[in-house]
């Protein structure tokens, strides 16, 4: 039997390492912390955004560290709830 060539040994080592990578447990990343808002604050932010604009709302509520998408969703929820109760 002939000894394995160095190329074959390298391929075997590579395949072993790839198998370790693909069969290892996935590493999950933790998500950031969410800002919890009370229902009262959610209504106030939604009302302010519907009366003004989303950028002005973000400026007005800088202490809450809100994202643009959050303000937009609160605005839409406020408008929908207001139209439902009328």
Protein backbone atom coordinates (compact mmCIF):
# COMPACT_ATOMS: atom_id res chain seq x y z
CA UNK A 1 0.00 0.00 0.00
CA UNK A 2 1.33 3.41 -0.92
CA UNK A 3 1.56 6.22 1.65
CA UNK A 4 -0.99 8.97 1.14
CA UNK A 5 0.18 12.01 -0.70
CA UNK A 6 0.37 15.31 1.15
CA UNK A 7 -2.50 16.60 -0.99
CA UNK A 8 -4.77 13.80 0.22
CA UNK A 9 -3.81 14.47 3.83
CA UNK A 10 -4.63 18.16 3.43
CA UNK A 11 -8.01 17.32 1.89
CA UNK A 12 -8.80 14.94 4.74
CA UNK A 13 -7.89 17.55 7.34
CA UNK A 14 -10.00 20.16 5.57
CA UNK A 15 -12.95 17.80 5.36
CA UNK A 16 -12.64 16.98 9.06
CA UNK A 17 -12.60 20.66 9.99
CA UNK A 18 -15.59 21.39 7.75
CA UNK A 19 -17.51 18.54 9.33
CA UNK A 20 -16.82 20.00 12.79
CA UNK A 21 -18.12 23.39 11.67
CA UNK A 22 -21.28 22.05 10.05
CA UNK A 23 -22.18 19.63 12.84
CA UNK A 24 -21.48 22.00 15.75
CA UNK A 25 -24.38 23.51 17.66
CA UNK A 26 -25.43 26.89 16.23
CA UNK A 27 -24.33 29.96 18.12
CA UNK A 28 -27.25 32.25 18.84
CA UNK A 29 -26.84 35.97 19.18
CA UNK A 30 -28.73 37.74 21.90
CA UNK A 31 -31.05 40.51 20.88
CA UNK A 32 -30.90 43.96 22.34
CA UNK A 33 -33.02 45.07 25.24
CA UNK A 34 -36.49 46.30 24.39
CA UNK A 35 -37.85 49.54 25.71
CA UNK A 36 -41.00 48.67 27.62
CA UNK A 37 -43.67 51.34 27.32
CA UNK A 38 -46.79 51.56 29.42
CA UNK A 39 -50.12 51.77 27.58
CA UNK A 40 -50.46 55.41 28.65
CA UNK A 41 -47.08 56.35 27.14
CA UNK A 42 -47.89 54.42 23.96
CA UNK A 43 -51.09 56.43 23.53
CA UNK A 44 -49.33 59.75 24.20
CA UNK A 45 -46.56 58.97 21.69
CA UNK A 46 -49.07 57.79 19.08
CA UNK A 47 -51.23 60.88 19.54
CA UNK A 48 -48.24 63.23 19.34
CA UNK A 49 -46.99 61.50 16.18
CA UNK A 50 -50.42 61.73 14.54
CA UNK A 51 -50.69 65.44 15.33
CA UNK A 52 -47.12 66.31 14.38
CA UNK A 53 -44.64 64.17 12.47
CA UNK A 54 -42.52 61.14 13.25
CA UNK A 55 -39.21 63.08 13.24
CA UNK A 56 -40.68 65.70 15.61
CA UNK A 57 -41.96 62.93 17.85
CA UNK A 58 -38.49 61.39 17.97
CA UNK A 59 -37.04 64.77 18.96
CA UNK A 60 -39.74 65.34 21.57
CA UNK A 61 -39.35 61.92 23.20
CA UNK A 62 -35.55 61.56 23.05
CA UNK A 63 -35.47 60.31 26.66
CA UNK A 64 -37.45 57.20 25.65
CA UNK A 65 -34.85 56.17 23.03
CA UNK A 66 -37.51 55.21 20.47
CA UNK A 67 -36.88 53.93 16.97
CA UNK A 68 -38.57 55.41 13.92
CA UNK A 69 -40.43 52.17 13.23
CA UNK A 70 -41.77 52.04 16.78
CA UNK A 71 -43.15 55.57 16.52
CA UNK A 72 -44.70 54.80 13.14
CA UNK A 73 -46.38 51.68 14.54
CA UNK A 74 -47.66 53.56 17.59
CA UNK A 75 -49.02 56.31 15.34
CA UNK A 76 -50.81 53.79 13.11
CA UNK A 77 -52.23 51.96 16.13
CA UNK A 78 -53.46 55.23 17.62
CA UNK A 79 -55.14 56.30 14.36
CA UNK A 80 -56.74 52.87 13.93
CA UNK A 81 -58.04 52.79 17.50
CA UNK A 82 -59.37 56.34 17.24
CA UNK A 83 -61.24 55.56 14.01
CA UNK A 84 -62.65 52.39 15.56
CA UNK A 85 -64.08 54.20 18.61
CA UNK A 86 -65.74 56.96 16.59
